């Protein structure tokens, strides 16, 4: 299974988790792990998902999630797990 890392960062507002999770569920992307925090008024979420059964290609998922982020005022970023790990290793 190839995992994908999704990060969501921005000013907190109602419905961020609902919007992202609904999109993922509608596209058969399984959430394996999720963590979210709010520091003062800033929202931060990290998800590990399995997109192997996704109805759309990875590139389309990335583009549509970025569009959702623009609509709700947050930055949504998706990366394959191996790329994420290489970018964040010491």
N, C-alpha and C. Protein backbone atom coordinates (compact mmCIF):
# COMPACT_ATOMS: atom_id res chain seq x y z
N UNK A 1 0.84 -1.18 0.00
CA UNK A 1 0.00 0.00 0.00
C UNK A 1 0.88 1.24 0.00
N UNK A 2 0.62 2.14 -0.92
CA UNK A 2 1.31 3.41 -0.93
C UNK A 2 0.47 4.42 -0.20
N UNK A 3 1.07 5.06 0.78
CA UNK A 3 0.36 6.04 1.60
C UNK A 3 0.60 7.44 1.06
N UNK A 4 -0.34 8.32 1.35
CA UNK A 4 -0.25 9.72 0.98
C UNK A 4 -0.39 10.55 2.25
N UNK A 5 0.41 11.61 2.34
CA UNK A 5 0.36 12.53 3.46
C UNK A 5 -0.38 13.78 3.00
N UNK A 6 -1.41 14.16 3.74
CA UNK A 6 -2.16 15.37 3.44
C UNK A 6 -2.01 16.31 4.63
N UNK A 7 -1.60 17.54 4.36
CA UNK A 7 -1.51 18.54 5.42
C UNK A 7 -2.47 19.69 5.09
N UNK A 8 -3.07 20.23 6.14
CA UNK A 8 -4.01 21.35 6.01
C UNK A 8 -3.60 22.39 7.05
N UNK A 9 -3.31 23.60 6.59
CA UNK A 9 -2.85 24.65 7.50
C UNK A 9 -3.55 25.96 7.13
N UNK A 10 -3.98 26.69 8.14
CA UNK A 10 -4.58 28.00 7.90
C UNK A 10 -5.35 28.50 9.09
N UNK A 11 -6.04 29.57 8.87
CA UNK A 11 -6.86 30.15 9.93
C UNK A 11 -8.07 29.25 10.17
N UNK A 12 -8.38 28.99 11.42
CA UNK A 12 -9.47 28.09 11.77
C UNK A 12 -10.82 28.67 11.37
N UNK A 13 -11.69 27.79 10.89
CA UNK A 13 -13.08 28.16 10.61
C UNK A 13 -13.92 26.88 10.69
N UNK A 14 -15.21 27.04 10.74
CA UNK A 14 -16.13 25.91 10.85
C UNK A 14 -16.09 25.09 9.55
N UNK A 15 -15.99 23.77 9.69
CA UNK A 15 -16.17 22.87 8.56
C UNK A 15 -14.94 22.41 7.83
N UNK A 16 -13.75 22.77 8.27
CA UNK A 16 -12.54 22.36 7.55
C UNK A 16 -12.44 20.84 7.49
N UNK A 17 -12.52 20.19 8.65
CA UNK A 17 -12.39 18.73 8.69
C UNK A 17 -13.51 18.08 7.90
N UNK A 18 -14.72 18.57 8.07
CA UNK A 18 -15.87 18.01 7.36
C UNK A 18 -15.70 18.10 5.85
N UNK A 19 -15.26 19.23 5.36
CA UNK A 19 -15.11 19.43 3.91
C UNK A 19 -14.06 18.48 3.34
N UNK A 20 -12.89 18.40 4.01
CA UNK A 20 -11.80 17.55 3.51
C UNK A 20 -12.19 16.07 3.61
N UNK A 21 -12.73 15.66 4.74
CA UNK A 21 -13.08 14.25 4.93
C UNK A 21 -14.22 13.81 4.01
N UNK A 22 -15.18 14.68 3.78
CA UNK A 22 -16.27 14.36 2.85
C UNK A 22 -15.73 14.16 1.44
N UNK A 23 -14.84 15.04 1.01
CA UNK A 23 -14.23 14.89 -0.31
C UNK A 23 -13.50 13.56 -0.42
N UNK A 24 -12.71 13.22 0.60
CA UNK A 24 -11.95 11.97 0.57
C UNK A 24 -12.89 10.77 0.53
N UNK A 25 -13.92 10.77 1.35
CA UNK A 25 -14.86 9.66 1.39
C UNK A 25 -15.58 9.50 0.04
N UNK A 26 -15.98 10.61 -0.56
CA UNK A 26 -16.67 10.55 -1.85
C UNK A 26 -15.79 10.01 -2.97
N UNK A 27 -14.47 10.07 -2.75
CA UNK A 27 -13.53 9.59 -3.77
C UNK A 27 -12.82 8.30 -3.37
N UNK A 28 -13.38 7.62 -2.36
CA UNK A 28 -12.87 6.32 -1.89
C UNK A 28 -11.41 6.37 -1.45
N UNK A 29 -11.07 7.43 -0.76
CA UNK A 29 -9.75 7.56 -0.15
C UNK A 29 -9.93 7.27 1.33
N UNK A 30 -9.21 6.26 1.84
CA UNK A 30 -9.35 5.82 3.22
C UNK A 30 -8.40 6.58 4.14
N UNK A 31 -8.93 7.15 5.21
CA UNK A 31 -8.11 7.84 6.20
C UNK A 31 -7.57 6.81 7.17
N UNK A 32 -6.25 6.69 7.24
CA UNK A 32 -5.59 5.73 8.12
C UNK A 32 -5.27 6.35 9.48
N UNK A 33 -4.90 7.62 9.48
CA UNK A 33 -4.55 8.31 10.72
C UNK A 33 -4.80 9.80 10.51
N UNK A 34 -5.18 10.47 11.57
CA UNK A 34 -5.47 11.90 11.48
C UNK A 34 -5.10 12.56 12.80
N UNK A 35 -4.50 13.74 12.69
CA UNK A 35 -4.16 14.53 13.86
C UNK A 35 -4.44 15.99 13.53
N UNK A 36 -5.08 16.68 14.45
CA UNK A 36 -5.33 18.09 14.21
C UNK A 36 -5.17 18.86 15.50
N UNK A 37 -4.66 20.07 15.36
CA UNK A 37 -4.51 20.96 16.50
C UNK A 37 -4.93 22.36 16.10
N UNK A 38 -5.30 23.13 17.09
CA UNK A 38 -5.59 24.54 16.88
C UNK A 38 -4.75 25.29 17.91
N UNK A 39 -3.91 26.18 17.41
CA UNK A 39 -3.10 27.03 18.27
C UNK A 39 -3.61 28.45 18.06
N UNK A 40 -4.18 29.00 19.14
CA UNK A 40 -4.91 30.26 19.06
C UNK A 40 -5.94 30.13 17.94
N UNK A 41 -5.86 30.91 16.88
CA UNK A 41 -6.87 30.79 15.83
C UNK A 41 -6.34 30.07 14.59
N UNK A 42 -5.20 29.37 14.72
CA UNK A 42 -4.60 28.71 13.56
C UNK A 42 -4.79 27.20 13.63
N UNK A 43 -5.25 26.66 12.50
CA UNK A 43 -5.61 25.25 12.36
C UNK A 43 -4.48 24.51 11.66
N UNK A 44 -4.16 23.31 12.16
CA UNK A 44 -3.15 22.46 11.54
C UNK A 44 -3.63 21.02 11.60
N UNK A 45 -3.68 20.35 10.45
CA UNK A 45 -4.11 18.95 10.40
C UNK A 45 -3.15 18.18 9.51
N UNK A 46 -2.85 16.97 9.94
CA UNK A 46 -2.04 16.04 9.16
C UNK A 46 -2.78 14.72 9.08
N UNK A 47 -2.89 14.19 7.87
CA UNK A 47 -3.59 12.93 7.65
C UNK A 47 -2.68 11.98 6.89
N UNK A 48 -2.78 10.72 7.22
CA UNK A 48 -2.15 9.67 6.42
C UNK A 48 -3.30 8.90 5.80
N UNK A 49 -3.30 8.82 4.48
CA UNK A 49 -4.41 8.19 3.77
C UNK A 49 -3.91 7.13 2.80
N UNK A 50 -4.84 6.24 2.46
CA UNK A 50 -4.60 5.21 1.45
C UNK A 50 -5.47 5.56 0.25
N UNK A 51 -4.83 5.94 -0.85
CA UNK A 51 -5.57 6.35 -2.05
C UNK A 51 -5.51 5.28 -3.14
N UNK A 52 -5.17 4.06 -2.78
CA UNK A 52 -5.06 2.99 -3.78
C UNK A 52 -6.38 2.70 -4.48
N UNK A 53 -7.50 2.89 -3.79
CA UNK A 53 -8.81 2.61 -4.37
C UNK A 53 -9.52 3.89 -4.84
N UNK A 54 -8.77 4.98 -4.91
CA UNK A 54 -9.37 6.26 -5.28
C UNK A 54 -10.01 6.21 -6.66
N UNK A 55 -11.08 6.97 -6.80
CA UNK A 55 -11.80 7.03 -8.06
C UNK A 55 -11.11 7.93 -9.08
N UNK A 56 -10.18 8.76 -8.61
CA UNK A 56 -9.48 9.71 -9.48
C UNK A 56 -7.98 9.50 -9.36
N UNK A 57 -7.24 10.01 -10.33
CA UNK A 57 -5.78 9.91 -10.29
C UNK A 57 -5.23 10.80 -9.17
N UNK A 58 -4.01 10.51 -8.76
CA UNK A 58 -3.36 11.29 -7.70
C UNK A 58 -3.32 12.77 -8.08
N UNK A 59 -2.96 13.08 -9.31
CA UNK A 59 -2.86 14.47 -9.75
C UNK A 59 -4.19 15.20 -9.64
N UNK A 60 -5.28 14.53 -9.98
CA UNK A 60 -6.61 15.14 -9.88
C UNK A 60 -6.97 15.36 -8.41
N UNK A 61 -6.69 14.38 -7.57
CA UNK A 61 -6.96 14.54 -6.13
C UNK A 61 -6.21 15.75 -5.58
N UNK A 62 -4.94 15.87 -5.94
CA UNK A 62 -4.12 16.99 -5.47
C UNK A 62 -4.74 18.32 -5.89
N UNK A 63 -5.08 18.43 -7.16
CA UNK A 63 -5.64 19.67 -7.70
C UNK A 63 -6.97 20.02 -7.04
N UNK A 64 -7.85 19.03 -6.90
CA UNK A 64 -9.15 19.30 -6.31
C UNK A 64 -9.06 19.63 -4.83
N UNK A 65 -8.15 18.98 -4.11
CA UNK A 65 -7.96 19.33 -2.69
C UNK A 65 -7.40 20.75 -2.55
N UNK A 66 -6.49 21.13 -3.45
CA UNK A 66 -5.97 22.50 -3.42
C UNK A 66 -7.10 23.50 -3.66
N UNK A 67 -8.02 23.17 -4.57
CA UNK A 67 -9.17 24.04 -4.85
C UNK A 67 -10.08 24.16 -3.64
N UNK A 68 -10.30 23.04 -2.95
CA UNK A 68 -11.10 23.08 -1.73
C UNK A 68 -10.43 23.98 -0.70
N UNK A 69 -9.12 23.85 -0.56
CA UNK A 69 -8.38 24.71 0.36
C UNK A 69 -8.56 26.18 0.03
N UNK A 70 -8.48 26.52 -1.27
CA UNK A 70 -8.69 27.91 -1.68
C UNK A 70 -10.09 28.39 -1.31
N UNK A 71 -11.07 27.53 -1.48
CA UNK A 71 -12.46 27.89 -1.18
C UNK A 71 -12.67 28.19 0.30
N UNK A 72 -11.99 27.44 1.17
CA UNK A 72 -12.23 27.60 2.62
C UNK A 72 -11.10 28.37 3.32
N UNK A 73 -10.13 28.85 2.54
CA UNK A 73 -9.09 29.72 3.10
C UNK A 73 -7.97 29.03 3.83
N UNK A 74 -7.65 27.78 3.44
CA UNK A 74 -6.51 27.06 4.02
C UNK A 74 -5.62 26.53 2.89
N UNK A 75 -4.44 26.11 3.26
CA UNK A 75 -3.51 25.52 2.29
C UNK A 75 -3.54 24.01 2.49
N UNK A 76 -3.91 23.27 1.45
CA UNK A 76 -3.93 21.81 1.50
C UNK A 76 -2.84 21.29 0.58
N UNK A 77 -2.02 20.41 1.13
CA UNK A 77 -0.90 19.85 0.37
C UNK A 77 -0.92 18.33 0.48
N UNK A 78 -0.68 17.66 -0.64
CA UNK A 78 -0.64 16.19 -0.69
C UNK A 78 0.71 15.75 -1.22
N UNK A 79 1.27 14.73 -0.59
CA UNK A 79 2.54 14.17 -1.05
C UNK A 79 2.52 12.67 -0.84
N UNK A 80 3.15 11.95 -1.77
CA UNK A 80 3.35 10.52 -1.55
C UNK A 80 4.23 10.37 -0.32
N UNK A 81 4.03 9.31 0.44
CA UNK A 81 4.76 9.09 1.69
C UNK A 81 6.27 9.10 1.48
N UNK A 82 6.76 8.45 0.43
CA UNK A 82 8.21 8.39 0.22
C UNK A 82 8.81 9.77 -0.04
N UNK A 83 8.10 10.62 -0.76
CA UNK A 83 8.57 11.99 -1.00
C UNK A 83 8.57 12.78 0.30
N UNK A 84 7.48 12.66 1.07
CA UNK A 84 7.37 13.36 2.36
C UNK A 84 8.53 12.96 3.26
N UNK A 85 8.80 11.64 3.36
CA UNK A 85 9.88 11.16 4.22
C UNK A 85 11.24 11.69 3.79
N UNK A 86 11.50 11.72 2.49
CA UNK A 86 12.79 12.22 2.01
C UNK A 86 12.94 13.71 2.28
N UNK A 87 11.86 14.46 2.20
CA UNK A 87 11.92 15.89 2.44
C UNK A 87 12.10 16.23 3.92
N UNK A 88 11.68 15.31 4.82
CA UNK A 88 11.69 15.62 6.24
C UNK A 88 12.68 14.79 7.05
N UNK A 89 13.60 14.15 6.39
CA UNK A 89 14.59 13.39 7.16
C UNK A 89 15.76 14.31 7.53
N UNK A 90 16.44 13.92 8.58
CA UNK A 90 17.56 14.76 9.07
C UNK A 90 18.83 14.33 8.39
